């Protein structure tokens, strides 16, 4: 998601530079920034999910140990 927004934004920035269109350049920059933030969000969610799975694994180990 974020990577595509970044790419589209960079294309708009470049098009704005070629056409000497400040509005398009600004729009592209904003879209690229949005994409970077979405990428960071996706990355953070993936890390959180990995930590959640790790915690679940430790919980299962604890439950097994308690049953013994």
PDB file of N, CA and C in Angstrom:
ATOM      1  N   UNK A   1       0.825  -1.181   0.000  1.00  0.00           N
ATOM      2  CA  UNK A   1       0.000   0.000   0.000  1.00  0.00           C
ATOM      3  C   UNK A   1       0.876   1.253   0.000  1.00  0.00           C
ATOM      4  N   UNK A   2       1.696   1.426   1.005  1.00  0.00           N
ATOM      5  CA  UNK A   2       2.514   2.612   1.113  1.00  0.00           C
ATOM      6  C   UNK A   2       3.524   2.757  -0.001  1.00  0.00           C
ATOM      7  N   UNK A   3       4.064   1.637  -0.446  1.00  0.00           N
ATOM      8  CA  UNK A   3       5.071   1.678  -1.506  1.00  0.00           C
ATOM      9  C   UNK A   3       4.459   2.215  -2.797  1.00  0.00           C
ATOM     10  N   UNK A   4       3.251   1.815  -3.091  1.00  0.00           N
ATOM     11  CA  UNK A   4       2.588   2.283  -4.310  1.00  0.00           C
ATOM     12  C   UNK A   4       2.290   3.786  -4.222  1.00  0.00           C
ATOM     13  N   UNK A   5       1.857   4.244  -3.054  1.00  0.00           N
ATOM     14  CA  UNK A   5       1.599   5.675  -2.874  1.00  0.00           C
ATOM     15  C   UNK A   5       2.877   6.471  -3.068  1.00  0.00           C
ATOM     16  N   UNK A   6       3.968   5.952  -2.512  1.00  0.00           N
ATOM     17  CA  UNK A   6       5.255   6.627  -2.678  1.00  0.00           C
ATOM     18  C   UNK A   6       5.619   6.728  -4.158  1.00  0.00           C
ATOM     19  N   UNK A   7       5.484   5.635  -4.863  1.00  0.00           N
ATOM     20  CA  UNK A   7       5.851   5.608  -6.283  1.00  0.00           C
ATOM     21  C   UNK A   7       4.990   6.577  -7.082  1.00  0.00           C
ATOM     22  N   UNK A   8       3.677   6.552  -6.835  1.00  0.00           N
ATOM     23  CA  UNK A   8       2.787   7.463  -7.560  1.00  0.00           C
ATOM     24  C   UNK A   8       3.138   8.915  -7.250  1.00  0.00           C
ATOM     25  N   UNK A   9       3.458   9.179  -6.004  1.00  0.00           N
ATOM     26  CA  UNK A   9       3.820  10.530  -5.611  1.00  0.00           C
ATOM     27  C   UNK A   9       5.094  11.002  -6.291  1.00  0.00           C
ATOM     28  N   UNK A  10       6.077  10.116  -6.367  1.00  0.00           N
ATOM     29  CA  UNK A  10       7.334  10.481  -7.012  1.00  0.00           C
ATOM     30  C   UNK A  10       7.139  10.746  -8.500  1.00  0.00           C
ATOM     31  N   UNK A  11       6.253   9.971  -9.123  1.00  0.00           N
ATOM     32  CA  UNK A  11       5.956  10.194 -10.543  1.00  0.00           C
ATOM     33  C   UNK A  11       5.312  11.568 -10.723  1.00  0.00           C
ATOM     34  N   UNK A  12       4.369  11.902  -9.845  1.00  0.00           N
ATOM     35  CA  UNK A  12       3.715  13.209  -9.921  1.00  0.00           C
ATOM     36  C   UNK A  12       4.725  14.330  -9.688  1.00  0.00           C
ATOM     37  N   UNK A  13       5.626  14.116  -8.720  1.00  0.00           N
ATOM     38  CA  UNK A  13       6.657  15.126  -8.465  1.00  0.00           C
ATOM     39  C   UNK A  13       7.501  15.361  -9.712  1.00  0.00           C
ATOM     40  N   UNK A  14       7.925  14.280 -10.338  1.00  0.00           N
ATOM     41  CA  UNK A  14       8.755  14.381 -11.539  1.00  0.00           C
ATOM     42  C   UNK A  14       7.983  15.050 -12.679  1.00  0.00           C
ATOM     43  N   UNK A  15       6.729  14.670 -12.834  1.00  0.00           N
ATOM     44  CA  UNK A  15       5.905  15.276 -13.890  1.00  0.00           C
ATOM     45  C   UNK A  15       5.735  16.769 -13.630  1.00  0.00           C
ATOM     46  N   UNK A  16       5.535  17.117 -12.369  1.00  0.00           N
ATOM     47  CA  UNK A  16       5.402  18.521 -12.017  1.00  0.00           C
ATOM     48  C   UNK A  16       6.669  19.303 -12.288  1.00  0.00           C
ATOM     49  N   UNK A  17       7.808  18.670 -12.045  1.00  0.00           N
ATOM     50  CA  UNK A  17       9.089  19.321 -12.311  1.00  0.00           C
ATOM     51  C   UNK A  17       9.280  19.523 -13.814  1.00  0.00           C
ATOM     52  N   UNK A  18       8.947  18.499 -14.587  1.00  0.00           N
ATOM     53  CA  UNK A  18       9.089  18.606 -16.043  1.00  0.00           C
ATOM     54  C   UNK A  18       8.161  19.664 -16.640  1.00  0.00           C
ATOM     55  N   UNK A  19       6.950  19.719 -16.101  1.00  0.00           N
ATOM     56  CA  UNK A  19       5.952  20.649 -16.632  1.00  0.00           C
ATOM     57  C   UNK A  19       6.027  22.023 -15.948  1.00  0.00           C
ATOM     58  N   UNK A  20       6.951  22.162 -15.009  1.00  0.00           N
ATOM     59  CA  UNK A  20       7.080  23.394 -14.219  1.00  0.00           C
ATOM     60  C   UNK A  20       5.746  23.750 -13.559  1.00  0.00           C
ATOM     61  N   UNK A  21       5.121  22.703 -12.978  1.00  0.00           N
ATOM     62  CA  UNK A  21       3.814  22.830 -12.333  1.00  0.00           C
ATOM     63  C   UNK A  21       4.005  22.625 -10.823  1.00  0.00           C
ATOM     64  N   UNK A  22       4.067  23.745 -10.098  1.00  0.00           N
ATOM     65  CA  UNK A  22       4.304  23.665  -8.650  1.00  0.00           C
ATOM     66  C   UNK A  22       3.207  22.913  -7.908  1.00  0.00           C
ATOM     67  N   UNK A  23       1.959  23.076  -8.352  1.00  0.00           N
ATOM     68  CA  UNK A  23       0.843  22.394  -7.685  1.00  0.00           C
ATOM     69  C   UNK A  23       0.982  20.877  -7.818  1.00  0.00           C
ATOM     70  N   UNK A  24       1.334  20.395  -8.997  1.00  0.00           N
ATOM     71  CA  UNK A  24       1.498  18.959  -9.210  1.00  0.00           C
ATOM     72  C   UNK A  24       2.697  18.439  -8.424  1.00  0.00           C
ATOM     73  N   UNK A  25       3.758  19.233  -8.407  1.00  0.00           N
ATOM     74  CA  UNK A  25       4.953  18.852  -7.649  1.00  0.00           C
ATOM     75  C   UNK A  25       4.619  18.737  -6.159  1.00  0.00           C
ATOM     76  N   UNK A  26       3.872  19.711  -5.643  1.00  0.00           N
ATOM     77  CA  UNK A  26       3.487  19.706  -4.229  1.00  0.00           C
ATOM     78  C   UNK A  26       2.561  18.533  -3.919  1.00  0.00           C
ATOM     79  N   UNK A  27       1.611  18.283  -4.813  1.00  0.00           N
ATOM     80  CA  UNK A  27       0.705  17.139  -4.636  1.00  0.00           C
ATOM     81  C   UNK A  27       1.493  15.830  -4.614  1.00  0.00           C
ATOM     82  N   UNK A  28       2.435  15.699  -5.516  1.00  0.00           N
ATOM     83  CA  UNK A  28       3.252  14.493  -5.571  1.00  0.00           C
ATOM     84  C   UNK A  28       4.086  14.315  -4.316  1.00  0.00           C
ATOM     85  N   UNK A  29       4.646  15.397  -3.825  1.00  0.00           N
ATOM     86  CA  UNK A  29       5.457  15.330  -2.602  1.00  0.00           C
ATOM     87  C   UNK A  29       4.598  14.878  -1.423  1.00  0.00           C
ATOM     88  N   UNK A  30       3.403  15.457  -1.319  1.00  0.00           N
ATOM     89  CA  UNK A  30       2.484  15.078  -0.236  1.00  0.00           C
ATOM     90  C   UNK A  30       2.087  13.606  -0.342  1.00  0.00           C
ATOM     91  N   UNK A  31       1.830  13.145  -1.552  1.00  0.00           N
ATOM     92  CA  UNK A  31       1.443  11.750  -1.753  1.00  0.00           C
ATOM     93  C   UNK A  31       2.600  10.818  -1.406  1.00  0.00           C
ATOM     94  N   UNK A  32       3.817  11.198  -1.771  1.00  0.00           N
ATOM     95  CA  UNK A  32       4.980  10.378  -1.434  1.00  0.00           C
ATOM     96  C   UNK A  32       5.172  10.321   0.079  1.00  0.00           C
ATOM     97  N   UNK A  33       4.990  11.459   0.754  1.00  0.00           N
ATOM     98  CA  UNK A  33       5.087  11.485   2.221  1.00  0.00           C
ATOM     99  C   UNK A  33       4.038  10.574   2.850  1.00  0.00           C
ATOM    100  N   UNK A  34       2.823  10.635   2.326  1.00  0.00           N
ATOM    101  CA  UNK A  34       1.744   9.770   2.822  1.00  0.00           C
ATOM    102  C   UNK A  34       2.136   8.304   2.654  1.00  0.00           C
ATOM    103  N   UNK A  35       2.691   7.974   1.507  1.00  0.00           N
ATOM    104  CA  UNK A  35       3.124   6.607   1.255  1.00  0.00           C
ATOM    105  C   UNK A  35       4.189   6.140   2.228  1.00  0.00           C
ATOM    106  N   UNK A  36       5.140   7.028   2.528  1.00  0.00           N
ATOM    107  CA  UNK A  36       6.188   6.675   3.504  1.00  0.00           C
ATOM    108  C   UNK A  36       5.577   6.369   4.864  1.00  0.00           C
ATOM    109  N   UNK A  37       4.618   7.192   5.283  1.00  0.00           N
ATOM    110  CA  UNK A  37       3.971   6.973   6.580  1.00  0.00           C
ATOM    111  C   UNK A  37       3.147   5.686   6.588  1.00  0.00           C
ATOM    112  N   UNK A  38       2.463   5.400   5.485  1.00  0.00           N
ATOM    113  CA  UNK A  38       1.699   4.148   5.399  1.00  0.00           C
ATOM    114  C   UNK A  38       2.639   2.947   5.468  1.00  0.00           C
ATOM    115  N   UNK A  39       3.798   3.062   4.828  1.00  0.00           N
ATOM    116  CA  UNK A  39       4.771   1.976   4.871  1.00  0.00           C
ATOM    117  C   UNK A  39       5.233   1.753   6.307  1.00  0.00           C
ATOM    118  N   UNK A  40       5.523   2.840   7.020  1.00  0.00           N
ATOM    119  CA  UNK A  40       5.944   2.719   8.421  1.00  0.00           C
ATOM    120  C   UNK A  40       4.855   2.057   9.259  1.00  0.00           C
ATOM    121  N   UNK A  41       3.603   2.428   8.994  1.00  0.00           N
ATOM    122  CA  UNK A  41       2.477   1.853   9.719  1.00  0.00           C
ATOM    123  C   UNK A  41       2.379   0.344   9.451  1.00  0.00           C
ATOM    124  N   UNK A  42       2.485  -0.042   8.184  1.00  0.00           N
ATOM    125  CA  UNK A  42       2.426  -1.462   7.826  1.00  0.00           C
ATOM    126  C   UNK A  42       3.556  -2.235   8.500  1.00  0.00           C
ATOM    127  N   UNK A  43       4.734  -1.639   8.516  1.00  0.00           N
ATOM    128  CA  UNK A  43       5.893  -2.273   9.135  1.00  0.00           C
ATOM    129  C   UNK A  43       5.665  -2.445  10.642  1.00  0.00           C
ATOM    130  N   UNK A  44       5.136  -1.420  11.293  1.00  0.00           N
ATOM    131  CA  UNK A  44       4.869  -1.487  12.728  1.00  0.00           C
ATOM    132  C   UNK A  44       3.822  -2.554  13.043  1.00  0.00           C
ATOM    133  N   UNK A  45       2.790  -2.638  12.208  1.00  0.00           N
ATOM    134  CA  UNK A  45       1.758  -3.666  12.421  1.00  0.00           C
ATOM    135  C   UNK A  45       2.344  -5.075  12.276  1.00  0.00           C
ATOM    136  N   UNK A  46       3.227  -5.253  11.307  1.00  0.00           N
ATOM    137  CA  UNK A  46       3.852  -6.559  11.108  1.00  0.00           C
ATOM    138  C   UNK A  46       4.699  -6.934  12.321  1.00  0.00           C
ATOM    139  N   UNK A  47       5.431  -5.974  12.850  1.00  0.00           N
ATOM    140  CA  UNK A  47       6.251  -6.230  14.046  1.00  0.00           C
ATOM    141  C   UNK A  47       5.368  -6.563  15.238  1.00  0.00           C
ATOM    142  N   UNK A  48       4.279  -5.823  15.394  1.00  0.00           N
ATOM    143  CA  UNK A  48       3.365  -6.084  16.505  1.00  0.00           C
ATOM    144  C   UNK A  48       2.763  -7.479  16.390  1.00  0.00           C
ATOM    145  N   UNK A  49       2.408  -7.867  15.171  1.00  0.00           N
ATOM    146  CA  UNK A  49       1.841  -9.204  14.949  1.00  0.00           C
ATOM    147  C   UNK A  49       2.862 -10.288  15.306  1.00  0.00           C
ATOM    148  N   UNK A  50       4.124 -10.059  14.941  1.00  0.00           N
ATOM    149  CA  UNK A  50       5.180 -11.023  15.258  1.00  0.00           C
ATOM    150  C   UNK A  50       5.351 -11.146  16.771  1.00  0.00           C
ATOM    151  N   UNK A  51       5.298 -10.020  17.486  1.00  0.00           N
ATOM    152  CA  UNK A  51       5.416 -10.055  18.945  1.00  0.00           C
ATOM    153  C   UNK A  51       4.225 -10.782  19.567  1.00  0.00           C
ATOM    154  N   UNK A  52       3.054 -10.566  18.998  1.00  0.00           N
ATOM    155  CA  UNK A  52       1.852 -11.229  19.490  1.00  0.00           C
ATOM    156  C   UNK A  52       1.976 -12.749  19.343  1.00  0.00           C
ATOM    157  N   UNK A  53       2.453 -13.192  18.192  1.00  0.00           N
ATOM    158  CA  UNK A  53       2.624 -14.633  17.959  1.00  0.00           C
ATOM    159  C   UNK A  53       3.657 -15.220  18.920  1.00  0.00           C
ATOM    160  N   UNK A  54       4.727 -14.463  19.145  1.00  0.00           N
ATOM    161  CA  UNK A  54       5.770 -14.918  20.059  1.00  0.00           C
ATOM    162  C   UNK A  54       5.213 -15.045  21.480  1.00  0.00           C
ATOM    163  N   UNK A  55       4.407 -14.078  21.891  1.00  0.00           N
ATOM    164  CA  UNK A  55       3.795 -14.129  23.214  1.00  0.00           C
ATOM    165  C   UNK A  55       2.856 -15.326  23.328  1.00  0.00           C
ATOM    166  N   UNK A  56       2.092 -15.601  22.272  1.00  0.00           N
ATOM    167  CA  UNK A  56       1.200 -16.760  22.271  1.00  0.00           C
ATOM    168  C   UNK A  56       1.989 -18.059  22.410  1.00  0.00           C
ATOM    169  N   UNK A  57       3.130 -18.130  21.744  1.00  0.00           N
ATOM    170  CA  UNK A  57       3.969 -19.320  21.834  1.00  0.00           C
ATOM    171  C   UNK A  57       4.452 -19.527  23.272  1.00  0.00           C
ATOM    172  N   UNK A  58       4.881 -18.435  23.916  1.00  0.00           N
ATOM    173  CA  UNK A  58       5.352 -18.541  25.292  1.00  0.00           C
ATOM    174  C   UNK A  58       4.217 -18.919  26.237  1.00  0.00           C
ATOM    175  N   UNK A  59       3.031 -18.420  25.956  1.00  0.00           N
ATOM    176  CA  UNK A  59       1.877 -18.758  26.773  1.00  0.00           C
ATOM    177  C   UNK A  59       1.568 -20.256  26.656  1.00  0.00           C
ATOM    178  N   UNK A  60       1.638 -20.807  25.447  1.00  0.00           N
ATOM    179  CA  UNK A  60       1.404 -22.232  25.257  1.00  0.00           C
ATOM    180  C   UNK A  60       2.445 -23.063  25.997  1.00  0.00           C
ATOM    181  N   UNK A  61       3.705 -22.605  25.929  1.00  0.00           N
ATOM    182  CA  UNK A  61       4.778 -23.321  26.643  1.00  0.00           C
ATOM    183  C   UNK A  61       4.495 -23.332  28.136  1.00  0.00           C
ATOM    184  N   UNK A  62       4.037 -22.177  28.641  1.00  0.00           N
ATOM    185  CA  UNK A  62       3.737 -22.066  30.067  1.00  0.00           C
ATOM    186  C   UNK A  62       2.593 -23.005  30.439  1.00  0.00           C
ATOM    187  N   UNK A  63       1.561 -23.046  29.609  1.00  0.00           N
ATOM    188  CA  UNK A  63       0.413 -23.917  29.889  1.00  0.00           C
ATOM    189  C   UNK A  63       0.838 -25.383  29.900  1.00  0.00           C
ATOM    190  N   UNK A  64       1.685 -25.766  28.960  1.00  0.00           N
ATOM    191  CA  UNK A  64       2.175 -27.146  28.915  1.00  0.00           C
ATOM    192  C   UNK A  64       2.992 -27.473  30.163  1.00  0.00           C
ATOM    193  N   UNK A  65       3.807 -26.528  30.595  1.00  0.00           N
ATOM    194  CA  UNK A  65       4.637 -26.742  31.785  1.00  0.00           C
ATOM    195  C   UNK A  65       3.765 -26.888  33.030  1.00  0.00           C
ATOM    196  N   UNK A  66       2.694 -26.107  33.080  1.00  0.00           N
ATOM    197  CA  UNK A  66       1.789 -26.173  34.232  1.00  0.00           C
ATOM    198  C   UNK A  66       1.024 -27.495  34.288  1.00  0.00           C
ATOM    199  N   UNK A  67       0.774 -28.100  33.116  1.00  0.00           N
ATOM    200  CA  UNK A  67       0.050 -29.367  33.055  1.00  0.00           C
ATOM    201  C   UNK A  67       0.912 -30.533  33.535  1.00  0.00           C
ATOM    202  N   UNK A  68       2.206 -30.368  33.461  1.00  0.00           N
ATOM    203  CA  UNK A  68       3.126 -31.469  33.831  1.00  0.00           C
ATOM    204  C   UNK A  68       3.247 -31.633  35.302  1.00  0.00           C
TER     205      UNK A  68
END
